[in-house]
PDB file of N, CA and C in Angstrom:
ATOM      1  N   MET A   1      18.229  -0.054  -1.859  1.00  0.00           N
ATOM      2  CA  MET A   1      17.908  -0.030  -0.442  1.00  0.00           C
ATOM      3  C   MET A   1      16.958  -1.191  -0.143  1.00  0.00           C
ATOM      4  N   THR A   2      17.231  -1.915   0.903  1.00  0.00           N
ATOM      5  CA  THR A   2      16.396  -3.040   1.297  1.00  0.00           C
ATOM      6  C   THR A   2      15.123  -2.558   1.988  1.00  0.00           C
ATOM      7  N   LEU A   3      14.077  -3.318   1.803  1.00  0.00           N
ATOM      8  CA  LEU A   3      12.790  -2.997   2.423  1.00  0.00           C
ATOM      9  C   LEU A   3      12.392  -4.053   3.451  1.00  0.00           C
ATOM     10  N   THR A   4      13.338  -4.879   3.862  1.00  0.00           N
ATOM     11  CA  THR A   4      13.031  -5.984   4.773  1.00  0.00           C
ATOM     12  C   THR A   4      12.731  -5.536   6.197  1.00  0.00           C
ATOM     13  N   ASP A   5      12.996  -4.267   6.511  1.00  0.00           N
ATOM     14  CA  ASP A   5      12.704  -3.753   7.852  1.00  0.00           C
ATOM     15  C   ASP A   5      11.254  -3.301   8.016  1.00  0.00           C
ATOM     16  N   LEU A   6      10.488  -3.241   6.944  1.00  0.00           N
ATOM     17  CA  LEU A   6       9.156  -2.650   7.006  1.00  0.00           C
ATOM     18  C   LEU A   6       8.172  -3.364   7.941  1.00  0.00           C
ATOM     19  N   PRO A   7       8.153  -4.691   8.024  1.00  0.00           N
ATOM     20  CA  PRO A   7       7.170  -5.319   8.910  1.00  0.00           C
ATOM     21  C   PRO A   7       7.249  -4.855  10.365  1.00  0.00           C
ATOM     22  N   ALA A   8       8.409  -4.456  10.811  1.00  0.00           N
ATOM     23  CA  ALA A   8       8.576  -4.034  12.205  1.00  0.00           C
ATOM     24  C   ALA A   8       7.966  -2.663  12.490  1.00  0.00           C
ATOM     25  N   GLY A   9       7.587  -1.915  11.461  1.00  0.00           N
ATOM     26  CA  GLY A   9       7.092  -0.562  11.666  1.00  0.00           C
ATOM     27  C   GLY A   9       5.607  -0.432  11.958  1.00  0.00           C
ATOM     28  N   PHE A  10       4.866  -1.523  11.825  1.00  0.00           N
ATOM     29  CA  PHE A  10       3.418  -1.454  12.026  1.00  0.00           C
ATOM     30  C   PHE A  10       3.050  -1.668  13.484  1.00  0.00           C
ATOM     31  N   ARG A  11       2.008  -0.979  13.921  1.00  0.00           N
ATOM     32  CA  ARG A  11       1.516  -1.092  15.292  1.00  0.00           C
ATOM     33  C   ARG A  11       1.089  -2.532  15.573  1.00  0.00           C
ATOM     34  N   ASP A  12       0.376  -3.116  14.616  1.00  0.00           N
ATOM     35  CA  ASP A  12      -0.134  -4.477  14.774  1.00  0.00           C
ATOM     36  C   ASP A  12      -0.566  -5.000  13.414  1.00  0.00           C
ATOM     37  N   ILE A  13      -1.034  -6.229  13.380  1.00  0.00           N
ATOM     38  CA  ILE A  13      -1.453  -6.861  12.129  1.00  0.00           C
ATOM     39  C   ILE A  13      -2.663  -6.148  11.529  1.00  0.00           C
ATOM     40  N   GLU A  14      -3.483  -5.559  12.375  1.00  0.00           N
ATOM     41  CA  GLU A  14      -4.650  -4.820  11.889  1.00  0.00           C
ATOM     42  C   GLU A  14      -4.216  -3.604  11.070  1.00  0.00           C
ATOM     43  N   GLN A  15      -3.227  -2.868  11.552  1.00  0.00           N
ATOM     44  CA  GLN A  15      -2.743  -1.704  10.815  1.00  0.00           C
ATOM     45  C   GLN A  15      -2.126  -2.137   9.482  1.00  0.00           C
ATOM     46  N   LEU A  16      -1.372  -3.215   9.493  1.00  0.00           N
ATOM     47  CA  LEU A  16      -0.827  -3.747   8.249  1.00  0.00           C
ATOM     48  C   LEU A  16      -1.955  -4.061   7.271  1.00  0.00           C
ATOM     49  N   GLY A  17      -3.031  -4.637   7.765  1.00  0.00           N
ATOM     50  CA  GLY A  17      -4.182  -4.933   6.911  1.00  0.00           C
ATOM     51  C   GLY A  17      -4.799  -3.693   6.304  1.00  0.00           C
ATOM     52  N   TYR A  18      -4.901  -2.609   7.088  1.00  0.00           N
ATOM     53  CA  TYR A  18      -5.425  -1.345   6.556  1.00  0.00           C
ATOM     54  C   TYR A  18      -4.570  -0.870   5.385  1.00  0.00           C
ATOM     55  N   VAL A  19      -3.267  -0.873   5.594  1.00  0.00           N
ATOM     56  CA  VAL A  19      -2.357  -0.388   4.554  1.00  0.00           C
ATOM     57  C   VAL A  19      -2.456  -1.266   3.312  1.00  0.00           C
ATOM     58  N   ARG A  20      -2.499  -2.559   3.511  1.00  0.00           N
ATOM     59  CA  ARG A  20      -2.604  -3.470   2.362  1.00  0.00           C
ATOM     60  C   ARG A  20      -3.907  -3.240   1.601  1.00  0.00           C
ATOM     61  N   ARG A  21      -5.007  -2.986   2.308  1.00  0.00           N
ATOM     62  CA  ARG A  21      -6.268  -2.711   1.617  1.00  0.00           C
ATOM     63  C   ARG A  21      -6.189  -1.423   0.810  1.00  0.00           C
ATOM     64  N   VAL A  22      -5.546  -0.409   1.356  1.00  0.00           N
ATOM     65  CA  VAL A  22      -5.408   0.845   0.613  1.00  0.00           C
ATOM     66  C   VAL A  22      -4.580   0.617  -0.649  1.00  0.00           C
ATOM     67  N   ILE A  23      -3.483  -0.110  -0.531  1.00  0.00           N
ATOM     68  CA  ILE A  23      -2.659  -0.397  -1.709  1.00  0.00           C
ATOM     69  C   ILE A  23      -3.478  -1.153  -2.746  1.00  0.00           C
ATOM     70  N   HIS A  24      -4.164  -2.186  -2.314  1.00  0.00           N
ATOM     71  CA  HIS A  24      -4.952  -2.988  -3.249  1.00  0.00           C
ATOM     72  C   HIS A  24      -6.107  -2.190  -3.849  1.00  0.00           C
ATOM     73  N   ASP A  25      -6.859  -1.502  -3.000  1.00  0.00           N
ATOM     74  CA  ASP A  25      -8.088  -0.845  -3.449  1.00  0.00           C
ATOM     75  C   ASP A  25      -7.871   0.474  -4.174  1.00  0.00           C
ATOM     76  N   ARG A  26      -6.774   1.180  -3.873  1.00  0.00           N
ATOM     77  CA  ARG A  26      -6.622   2.532  -4.424  1.00  0.00           C
ATOM     78  C   ARG A  26      -5.398   2.730  -5.305  1.00  0.00           C
ATOM     79  N   LEU A  27      -4.419   1.836  -5.229  1.00  0.00           N
ATOM     80  CA  LEU A  27      -3.208   2.009  -6.039  1.00  0.00           C
ATOM     81  C   LEU A  27      -3.045   0.943  -7.115  1.00  0.00           C
ATOM     82  N   ALA A  28      -3.348  -0.298  -6.808  1.00  0.00           N
ATOM     83  CA  ALA A  28      -3.061  -1.410  -7.717  1.00  0.00           C
ATOM     84  C   ALA A  28      -4.174  -1.573  -8.749  1.00  0.00           C
ATOM     85  N   ASP A  29      -3.987  -0.951  -9.876  1.00  0.00           N
ATOM     86  CA  ASP A  29      -4.954  -1.013 -10.970  1.00  0.00           C
ATOM     87  C   ASP A  29      -4.449  -2.044 -11.972  1.00  0.00           C
ATOM     88  N   ASP A  30      -5.177  -3.142 -12.129  1.00  0.00           N
ATOM     89  CA  ASP A  30      -4.677  -4.213 -12.986  1.00  0.00           C
ATOM     90  C   ASP A  30      -4.757  -3.895 -14.477  1.00  0.00           C
ATOM     91  N   ARG A  31      -5.221  -2.724 -14.829  1.00  0.00           N
ATOM     92  CA  ARG A  31      -5.152  -2.313 -16.230  1.00  0.00           C
ATOM     93  C   ARG A  31      -3.723  -1.942 -16.625  1.00  0.00           C
ATOM     94  N   ASP A  32      -2.881  -1.636 -15.631  1.00  0.00           N
ATOM     95  CA  ASP A  32      -1.440  -1.437 -15.848  1.00  0.00           C
ATOM     96  C   ASP A  32      -0.749  -2.620 -15.172  1.00  0.00           C
ATOM     97  N   GLN A  33      -0.589  -3.706 -15.935  1.00  0.00           N
ATOM     98  CA  GLN A  33      -0.121  -4.973 -15.379  1.00  0.00           C
ATOM     99  C   GLN A  33       1.243  -4.871 -14.705  1.00  0.00           C
ATOM    100  N   GLN A  34       2.178  -4.153 -15.315  1.00  0.00           N
ATOM    101  CA  GLN A  34       3.529  -4.075 -14.746  1.00  0.00           C
ATOM    102  C   GLN A  34       3.520  -3.350 -13.398  1.00  0.00           C
ATOM    103  N   ALA A  35       2.888  -2.199 -13.349  1.00  0.00           N
ATOM    104  CA  ALA A  35       2.817  -1.449 -12.097  1.00  0.00           C
ATOM    105  C   ALA A  35       2.054  -2.251 -11.048  1.00  0.00           C
ATOM    106  N   CYS A  36       0.953  -2.873 -11.432  1.00  0.00           N
ATOM    107  CA  CYS A  36       0.154  -3.661 -10.498  1.00  0.00           C
ATOM    108  C   CYS A  36       0.985  -4.813  -9.934  1.00  0.00           C
ATOM    109  N   ARG A  37       1.737  -5.472 -10.787  1.00  0.00           N
ATOM    110  CA  ARG A  37       2.582  -6.593 -10.345  1.00  0.00           C
ATOM    111  C   ARG A  37       3.562  -6.136  -9.262  1.00  0.00           C
ATOM    112  N   TYR A  38       4.204  -4.981  -9.471  1.00  0.00           N
ATOM    113  CA  TYR A  38       5.188  -4.517  -8.493  1.00  0.00           C
ATOM    114  C   TYR A  38       4.540  -3.939  -7.249  1.00  0.00           C
ATOM    115  N   LEU A  39       3.372  -3.335  -7.388  1.00  0.00           N
ATOM    116  CA  LEU A  39       2.645  -2.886  -6.190  1.00  0.00           C
ATOM    117  C   LEU A  39       2.241  -4.074  -5.334  1.00  0.00           C
ATOM    118  N   MET A  40       1.836  -5.167  -5.964  1.00  0.00           N
ATOM    119  CA  MET A  40       1.445  -6.338  -5.188  1.00  0.00           C
ATOM    120  C   MET A  40       2.669  -7.037  -4.584  1.00  0.00           C
ATOM    121  N   ARG A  41       3.805  -6.977  -5.238  1.00  0.00           N
ATOM    122  CA  ARG A  41       5.028  -7.488  -4.614  1.00  0.00           C
ATOM    123  C   ARG A  41       5.376  -6.634  -3.390  1.00  0.00           C
ATOM    124  N   PHE A  42       5.186  -5.315  -3.514  1.00  0.00           N
ATOM    125  CA  PHE A  42       5.405  -4.425  -2.377  1.00  0.00           C
ATOM    126  C   PHE A  42       4.386  -4.737  -1.272  1.00  0.00           C
ATOM    127  N   TRP A  43       3.131  -4.950  -1.646  1.00  0.00           N
ATOM    128  CA  TRP A  43       2.074  -5.336  -0.708  1.00  0.00           C
ATOM    129  C   TRP A  43       2.539  -6.534   0.110  1.00  0.00           C
ATOM    130  N   TRP A  44       3.112  -7.526  -0.560  1.00  0.00           N
ATOM    131  CA  TRP A  44       3.602  -8.734   0.104  1.00  0.00           C
ATOM    132  C   TRP A  44       4.807  -8.405   0.988  1.00  0.00           C
ATOM    133  N   GLN A  45       5.707  -7.549   0.486  1.00  0.00           N
ATOM    134  CA  GLN A  45       6.923  -7.186   1.213  1.00  0.00           C
ATOM    135  C   GLN A  45       6.609  -6.577   2.575  1.00  0.00           C
ATOM    136  N   LEU A  46       5.506  -5.861   2.678  1.00  0.00           N
ATOM    137  CA  LEU A  46       5.165  -5.188   3.929  1.00  0.00           C
ATOM    138  C   LEU A  46       5.059  -6.142   5.110  1.00  0.00           C
ATOM    139  N   GLY A  47       4.746  -7.399   4.850  1.00  0.00           N
ATOM    140  CA  GLY A  47       4.613  -8.356   5.933  1.00  0.00           C
ATOM    141  C   GLY A  47       5.715  -9.400   5.991  1.00  0.00           C
ATOM    142  N   MET A  48       6.715  -9.279   5.127  1.00  0.00           N
ATOM    143  CA  MET A  48       7.765 -10.300   5.046  1.00  0.00           C
ATOM    144  C   MET A  48       9.132  -9.727   5.414  1.00  0.00           C
ATOM    145  N   THR A  49       9.935 -10.527   6.072  1.00  0.00           N
ATOM    146  CA  THR A  49      11.283 -10.073   6.434  1.00  0.00           C
ATOM    147  C   THR A  49      12.332 -10.507   5.416  1.00  0.00           C
ATOM    148  N   TYR A  50      11.933 -11.220   4.381  1.00  0.00           N
ATOM    149  CA  TYR A  50      12.852 -11.524   3.284  1.00  0.00           C
ATOM    150  C   TYR A  50      12.574 -10.541   2.146  1.00  0.00           C
ATOM    151  N   GLN A  51      13.459 -10.473   1.192  1.00  0.00           N
ATOM    152  CA  GLN A  51      13.319  -9.485   0.117  1.00  0.00           C
ATOM    153  C   GLN A  51      12.421 -10.008  -0.992  1.00  0.00           C
ATOM    154  N   GLU A  52      11.300  -9.373  -1.185  1.00  0.00           N
ATOM    155  CA  GLU A  52      10.366  -9.681  -2.261  1.00  0.00           C
ATOM    156  C   GLU A  52      10.551  -8.693  -3.407  1.00  0.00           C
ATOM    157  N   VAL A  53      10.813  -7.438  -3.069  1.00  0.00           N
ATOM    158  CA  VAL A  53      10.977  -6.379  -4.062  1.00  0.00           C
ATOM    159  C   VAL A  53      11.942  -5.345  -3.485  1.00  0.00           C
ATOM    160  N   THR A  54      12.663  -4.668  -4.363  1.00  0.00           N
ATOM    161  CA  THR A  54      13.582  -3.628  -3.914  1.00  0.00           C
ATOM    162  C   THR A  54      13.028  -2.257  -4.281  1.00  0.00           C
ATOM    163  N   LEU A  55      13.564  -1.246  -3.645  1.00  0.00           N
ATOM    164  CA  LEU A  55      13.167   0.120  -3.974  1.00  0.00           C
ATOM    165  C   LEU A  55      13.550   0.457  -5.411  1.00  0.00           C
ATOM    166  N   ASP A  56      14.680  -0.038  -5.878  1.00  0.00           N
ATOM    167  CA  ASP A  56      15.074   0.199  -7.273  1.00  0.00           C
ATOM    168  C   ASP A  56      14.066  -0.418  -8.240  1.00  0.00           C
ATOM    169  N   GLN A  57      13.560  -1.606  -7.928  1.00  0.00           N
ATOM    170  CA  GLN A  57      12.557  -2.225  -8.791  1.00  0.00           C
ATOM    171  C   GLN A  57      11.263  -1.410  -8.789  1.00  0.00           C
ATOM    172  N   LEU A  58      10.884  -0.910  -7.626  1.00  0.00           N
ATOM    173  CA  LEU A  58       9.693  -0.069  -7.559  1.00  0.00           C
ATOM    174  C   LEU A  58       9.887   1.196  -8.382  1.00  0.00           C
ATOM    175  N   ARG A  59      11.041   1.811  -8.262  1.00  0.00           N
ATOM    176  CA  ARG A  59      11.323   3.036  -9.018  1.00  0.00           C
ATOM    177  C   ARG A  59      11.307   2.789 -10.521  1.00  0.00           C
ATOM    178  N   ALA A  60      11.725   1.610 -10.946  1.00  0.00           N
ATOM    179  CA  ALA A  60      11.773   1.286 -12.375  1.00  0.00           C
ATOM    180  C   ALA A  60      10.396   0.919 -12.940  1.00  0.00           C
ATOM    181  N   ASN A  61       9.456   0.519 -12.089  1.00  0.00           N
ATOM    182  CA  ASN A  61       8.201  -0.027 -12.593  1.00  0.00           C
ATOM    183  C   ASN A  61       6.941   0.732 -12.219  1.00  0.00           C
ATOM    184  N   LEU A  62       7.049   1.714 -11.344  1.00  0.00           N
ATOM    185  CA  LEU A  62       5.871   2.479 -10.952  1.00  0.00           C
ATOM    186  C   LEU A  62       5.894   3.856 -11.583  1.00  0.00           C
ATOM    187  N   GLY A  63       4.706   4.385 -11.834  1.00  0.00           N
ATOM    188  CA  GLY A  63       4.587   5.742 -12.353  1.00  0.00           C
ATOM    189  C   GLY A  63       4.836   6.766 -11.264  1.00  0.00           C
ATOM    190  N   GLY A  64       4.885   8.020 -11.633  1.00  0.00           N
ATOM    191  CA  GLY A  64       5.230   9.103 -10.717  1.00  0.00           C
ATOM    192  C   GLY A  64       4.377   9.186  -9.471  1.00  0.00           C
ATOM    193  N   ALA A  65       3.044   9.215  -9.634  1.00  0.00           N
ATOM    194  CA  ALA A  65       2.153   9.356  -8.471  1.00  0.00           C
ATOM    195  C   ALA A  65       2.193   8.110  -7.591  1.00  0.00           C
ATOM    196  N   GLU A  66       2.175   6.930  -8.217  1.00  0.00           N
ATOM    197  CA  GLU A  66       2.235   5.692  -7.433  1.00  0.00           C
ATOM    198  C   GLU A  66       3.539   5.602  -6.659  1.00  0.00           C
ATOM    199  N   LEU A  67       4.631   5.900  -7.332  1.00  0.00           N
ATOM    200  CA  LEU A  67       5.939   5.831  -6.679  1.00  0.00           C
ATOM    201  C   LEU A  67       6.023   6.817  -5.522  1.00  0.00           C
ATOM    202  N   ARG A  68       5.526   8.029  -5.717  1.00  0.00           N
ATOM    203  CA  ARG A  68       5.547   9.028  -4.647  1.00  0.00           C
ATOM    204  C   ARG A  68       4.789   8.522  -3.424  1.00  0.00           C
ATOM    205  N   LEU A  69       3.612   7.928  -3.635  1.00  0.00           N
ATOM    206  CA  LEU A  69       2.816   7.420  -2.514  1.00  0.00           C
ATOM    207  C   LEU A  69       3.496   6.247  -1.818  1.00  0.00           C
ATOM    208  N   VAL A  70       4.133   5.364  -2.587  1.00  0.00           N
ATOM    209  CA  VAL A  70       4.850   4.236  -1.991  1.00  0.00           C
ATOM    210  C   VAL A  70       6.038   4.744  -1.174  1.00  0.00           C
ATOM    211  N   GLU A  71       6.781   5.714  -1.714  1.00  0.00           N
ATOM    212  CA  GLU A  71       7.910   6.263  -0.965  1.00  0.00           C
ATOM    213  C   GLU A  71       7.436   6.970   0.306  1.00  0.00           C
ATOM    214  N   GLU A  72       6.297   7.667   0.223  1.00  0.00           N
ATOM    215  CA  GLU A  72       5.733   8.304   1.419  1.00  0.00           C
ATOM    216  C   GLU A  72       5.339   7.250   2.451  1.00  0.00           C
ATOM    217  N   LEU A  73       4.779   6.132   1.989  1.00  0.00           N
ATOM    218  CA  LEU A  73       4.423   5.057   2.912  1.00  0.00           C
ATOM    219  C   LEU A  73       5.668   4.465   3.569  1.00  0.00           C
ATOM    220  N   ILE A  74       6.701   4.232   2.798  1.00  0.00           N
ATOM    221  CA  ILE A  74       7.946   3.694   3.363  1.00  0.00           C
ATOM    222  C   ILE A  74       8.470   4.629   4.447  1.00  0.00           C
ATOM    223  N   ASP A  75       8.466   5.925   4.167  1.00  0.00           N
ATOM    224  CA  ASP A  75       8.905   6.903   5.167  1.00  0.00           C
ATOM    225  C   ASP A  75       8.010   6.847   6.411  1.00  0.00           C
ATOM    226  N   ALA A  76       6.704   6.738   6.204  1.00  0.00           N
ATOM    227  CA  ALA A  76       5.771   6.682   7.331  1.00  0.00           C
ATOM    228  C   ALA A  76       6.010   5.434   8.177  1.00  0.00           C
ATOM    229  N   VAL A  77       6.224   4.294   7.524  1.00  0.00           N
ATOM    230  CA  VAL A  77       6.454   3.046   8.261  1.00  0.00           C
ATOM    231  C   VAL A  77       7.725   3.155   9.092  1.00  0.00           C
ATOM    232  N   ARG A  78       8.699   3.825   8.558  1.00  0.00           N
ATOM    233  CA  ARG A  78       9.969   3.980   9.284  1.00  0.00           C
ATOM    234  C   ARG A  78       9.908   5.100  10.322  1.00  0.00           C
ATOM    235  N   THR A  79       8.824   5.863  10.343  1.00  0.00           N
ATOM    236  CA  THR A  79       8.670   6.962  11.296  1.00  0.00           C
ATOM    237  C   THR A  79       7.872   6.539  12.523  1.00  0.00           C
ATOM    238  N   SER A  80       6.597   6.139  12.311  1.00  0.00           N
ATOM    239  CA  SER A  80       5.754   5.769  13.456  1.00  0.00           C
ATOM    240  C   SER A  80       4.430   5.197  12.975  1.00  0.00           C
ATOM    241  N   PRO A  81       3.756   4.448  13.840  1.00  0.00           N
ATOM    242  CA  PRO A  81       2.415   3.966  13.500  1.00  0.00           C
ATOM    243  C   PRO A  81       1.430   5.118  13.248  1.00  0.00           C
ATOM    244  N   GLU A  82       1.605   6.230  13.945  1.00  0.00           N
ATOM    245  CA  GLU A  82       0.731   7.386  13.726  1.00  0.00           C
ATOM    246  C   GLU A  82       0.941   7.973  12.330  1.00  0.00           C
ATOM    247  N   ALA A  83       2.177   7.980  11.852  1.00  0.00           N
ATOM    248  CA  ALA A  83       2.453   8.454  10.497  1.00  0.00           C
ATOM    249  C   ALA A  83       1.808   7.526   9.465  1.00  0.00           C
ATOM    250  N   ILE A  84       1.756   6.247   9.763  1.00  0.00           N
ATOM    251  CA  ILE A  84       1.083   5.291   8.875  1.00  0.00           C
ATOM    252  C   ILE A  84      -0.407   5.602   8.826  1.00  0.00           C
ATOM    253  N   ASP A  85      -1.029   5.856   9.986  1.00  0.00           N
ATOM    254  CA  ASP A  85      -2.449   6.224  10.013  1.00  0.00           C
ATOM    255  C   ASP A  85      -2.698   7.474   9.180  1.00  0.00           C
ATOM    256  N   ASP A  86      -1.814   8.455   9.280  1.00  0.00           N
ATOM    257  CA  ASP A  86      -1.956   9.685   8.501  1.00  0.00           C
ATOM    258  C   ASP A  86      -1.868   9.389   7.013  1.00  0.00           C
ATOM    259  N   TRP A  87      -0.955   8.482   6.618  1.00  0.00           N
ATOM    260  CA  TRP A  87      -0.824   8.105   5.200  1.00  0.00           C
ATOM    261  C   TRP A  87      -2.112   7.453   4.706  1.00  0.00           C
ATOM    262  N   VAL A  88      -2.655   6.519   5.495  1.00  0.00           N
ATOM    263  CA  VAL A  88      -3.905   5.848   5.114  1.00  0.00           C
ATOM    264  C   VAL A  88      -5.005   6.879   4.915  1.00  0.00           C
ATOM    265  N   ASP A  89      -5.162   7.785   5.868  1.00  0.00           N
ATOM    266  CA  ASP A  89      -6.207   8.807   5.778  1.00  0.00           C
ATOM    267  C   ASP A  89      -6.011   9.704   4.560  1.00  0.00           C
ATOM    268  N   ALA A  90      -4.779  10.109   4.288  1.00  0.00           N
ATOM    269  CA  ALA A  90      -4.497  10.995   3.151  1.00  0.00           C
ATOM    270  C   ALA A  90      -4.797  10.311   1.825  1.00  0.00           C
ATOM    271  N   VAL A  91      -4.379   9.070   1.681  1.00  0.00           N
ATOM    272  CA  VAL A  91      -4.603   8.362   0.418  1.00  0.00           C
ATOM    273  C   VAL A  91      -6.090   8.089   0.220  1.00  0.00           C
ATOM    274  N   GLU A  92      -6.775   7.676   1.281  1.00  0.00           N
ATOM    275  CA  GLU A  92      -8.212   7.444   1.157  1.00  0.00           C
ATOM    276  C   GLU A  92      -8.960   8.728   0.819  1.00  0.00           C
ATOM    277  N   GLY A  93      -8.478   9.857   1.322  1.00  0.00           N
ATOM    278  CA  GLY A  93      -9.123  11.129   1.016  1.00  0.00           C
ATOM    279  C   GLY A  93      -8.826  11.646  -0.372  1.00  0.00           C
ATOM    280  N   ALA A  94      -7.731  11.184  -0.960  1.00  0.00           N
ATOM    281  CA  ALA A  94      -7.305  11.717  -2.251  1.00  0.00           C
ATOM    282  C   ALA A  94      -7.627  10.826  -3.445  1.00  0.00           C
ATOM    283  N   LEU A  95      -7.667   9.514  -3.236  1.00  0.00           N
ATOM    284  CA  LEU A  95      -7.834   8.596  -4.364  1.00  0.00           C
ATOM    285  C   LEU A  95      -9.129   7.797  -4.251  1.00  0.00           C
ATOM    286  N   PRO A  96      -9.818   7.629  -5.376  1.00  0.00           N
ATOM    287  CA  PRO A  96     -11.008   6.776  -5.357  1.00  0.00           C
ATOM    288  C   PRO A  96     -10.606   5.303  -5.353  1.00  0.00           C
ATOM    289  N   VAL A  97     -11.554   4.452  -5.045  1.00  0.00           N
ATOM    290  CA  VAL A  97     -11.349   3.019  -5.157  1.00  0.00           C
ATOM    291  C   VAL A  97     -11.246   2.682  -6.642  1.00  0.00           C
ATOM    292  N   VAL A  98     -10.231   1.919  -7.001  1.00  0.00           N
ATOM    293  CA  VAL A  98     -10.028   1.524  -8.396  1.00  0.00           C
ATOM    294  C   VAL A  98     -11.121   0.531  -8.776  1.00  0.00           C
ATOM    295  N   GLN A  99     -11.795   0.815  -9.855  1.00  0.00           N
ATOM    296  CA  GLN A  99     -12.840  -0.081 -10.357  1.00  0.00           C
ATOM    297  C   GLN A  99     -12.250  -0.916 -11.486  1.00  0.00           C
ATOM    298  N   ASP A 100     -11.585  -1.995 -11.125  1.00  0.00           N
ATOM    299  CA  ASP A 100     -10.967  -2.826 -12.148  1.00  0.00           C
ATOM    300  C   ASP A 100     -11.513  -4.244 -12.086  1.00  0.00           C
ATOM    301  N   ARG A 101     -10.940  -5.127 -12.870  1.00  0.00           N
ATOM    302  CA  ARG A 101     -11.443  -6.504 -12.962  1.00  0.00           C
ATOM    303  C   ARG A 101     -11.422  -7.230 -11.634  1.00  0.00           C
ATOM    304  N   GLY A 102     -10.465  -6.948 -10.763  1.00  0.00           N
ATOM    305  CA  GLY A 102     -10.370  -7.653  -9.494  1.00  0.00           C
ATOM    306  C   GLY A 102     -11.233  -7.057  -8.404  1.00  0.00           C
ATOM    307  N   PHE A 103     -11.782  -5.875  -8.606  1.00  0.00           N
ATOM    308  CA  PHE A 103     -12.510  -5.179  -7.554  1.00  0.00           C
ATOM    309  C   PHE A 103     -13.712  -5.967  -7.042  1.00  0.00           C
ATOM    310  N   ALA A 104     -14.460  -6.605  -7.922  1.00  0.00           N
ATOM    311  CA  ALA A 104     -15.664  -7.311  -7.508  1.00  0.00           C
ATOM    312  C   ALA A 104     -15.354  -8.440  -6.531  1.00  0.00           C
ATOM    313  N   GLN A 105     -14.129  -8.917  -6.512  1.00  0.00           N
ATOM    314  CA  GLN A 105     -13.735 -10.020  -5.653  1.00  0.00           C
ATOM    315  C   GLN A 105     -13.273  -9.546  -4.270  1.00  0.00           C
ATOM    316  N   VAL A 106     -13.092  -8.234  -4.092  1.00  0.00           N
ATOM    317  CA  VAL A 106     -12.527  -7.697  -2.858  1.00  0.00           C
ATOM    318  C   VAL A 106     -13.639  -7.181  -1.958  1.00  0.00           C
ATOM    319  N   GLN A 107     -13.530  -7.488  -0.690  1.00  0.00           N
ATOM    320  CA  GLN A 107     -14.483  -6.985   0.286  1.00  0.00           C
ATOM    321  C   GLN A 107     -13.893  -5.760   0.963  1.00  0.00           C
ATOM    322  N   THR A 108     -14.626  -4.651   0.991  1.00  0.00           N
ATOM    323  CA  THR A 108     -14.191  -3.458   1.712  1.00  0.00           C
ATOM    324  C   THR A 108     -15.281  -3.087   2.707  1.00  0.00           C
ATOM    325  N   LEU A 109     -14.927  -2.254   3.613  1.00  0.00           N
ATOM    326  CA  LEU A 109     -15.909  -1.750   4.564  1.00  0.00           C
ATOM    327  C   LEU A 109     -16.852  -0.795   3.860  1.00  0.00           C
ATOM    328  N   PRO A 110     -18.028  -0.560   4.411  1.00  0.00           N
ATOM    329  CA  PRO A 110     -18.956   0.388   3.797  1.00  0.00           C
ATOM    330  C   PRO A 110     -18.265   1.729   3.535  1.00  0.00           C
ATOM    331  N   GLY A 111     -18.507   2.266   2.378  1.00  0.00           N
ATOM    332  CA  GLY A 111     -17.896   3.540   2.008  1.00  0.00           C
ATOM    333  C   GLY A 111     -16.508   3.372   1.430  1.00  0.00           C
ATOM    334  N   GLY A 112     -16.022   2.131   1.296  1.00  0.00           N
ATOM    335  CA  GLY A 112     -14.729   1.881   0.691  1.00  0.00           C
ATOM    336  C   GLY A 112     -13.544   2.262   1.552  1.00  0.00           C
ATOM    337  N   ARG A 113     -13.721   2.370   2.848  1.00  0.00           N
ATOM    338  CA  ARG A 113     -12.631   2.795   3.737  1.00  0.00           C
ATOM    339  C   ARG A 113     -11.912   1.557   4.260  1.00  0.00           C
ATOM    340  N   ALA A 114     -10.604   1.664   4.403  1.00  0.00           N
ATOM    341  CA  ALA A 114      -9.790   0.550   4.890  1.00  0.00           C
ATOM    342  C   ALA A 114     -10.008   0.297   6.370  1.00  0.00           C
ATOM    343  N   ARG A 115     -10.269   1.340   7.109  1.00  0.00           N
ATOM    344  CA  ARG A 115     -10.501   1.159   8.538  1.00  0.00           C
ATOM    345  C   ARG A 115     -11.682   2.010   8.967  1.00  0.00           C
ATOM    346  N   PRO A 116     -12.385   1.572   9.978  1.00  0.00           N
ATOM    347  CA  PRO A 116     -13.558   2.330  10.420  1.00  0.00           C
ATOM    348  C   PRO A 116     -13.168   3.696  10.959  1.00  0.00           C
ATOM    349  N   THR A 117     -14.011   4.655  10.707  1.00  0.00           N
ATOM    350  CA  THR A 117     -13.785   5.989  11.233  1.00  0.00           C
ATOM    351  C   THR A 117     -14.155   6.000  12.710  1.00  0.00           C
ATOM    352  N   PRO A 118     -13.249   6.518  13.563  1.00  0.00           N
ATOM    353  CA  PRO A 118     -13.532   6.510  15.014  1.00  0.00           C
ATOM    354  C   PRO A 118     -14.746   7.348  15.377  1.00  0.00           C
TER     355      PRO A 118
END
């Protein structure tokens, strides 16, 4: 299944940025190089209309929990911007910020949240 339709599902570039920060900060752990590589290809795919990664590649390279969250995000993007906000909130509430080698280079908002709490 192609993922080239995903950029059209975001409310705006700001929402895309929130989702990308959650993927980077909470899912992409560089201690698992293969999974991290494909999560970052997916991260890139979210803003591109050409094919960077396929769902089959994600299924072959991500673990169970990561794959489930990515599939939930894909469903949310294809549903509505509000569903995307719900996904961001759920993942931030369930997963800690990954403390890996790349973390020190990333800037997050206070408290490690991708978007400010209203």
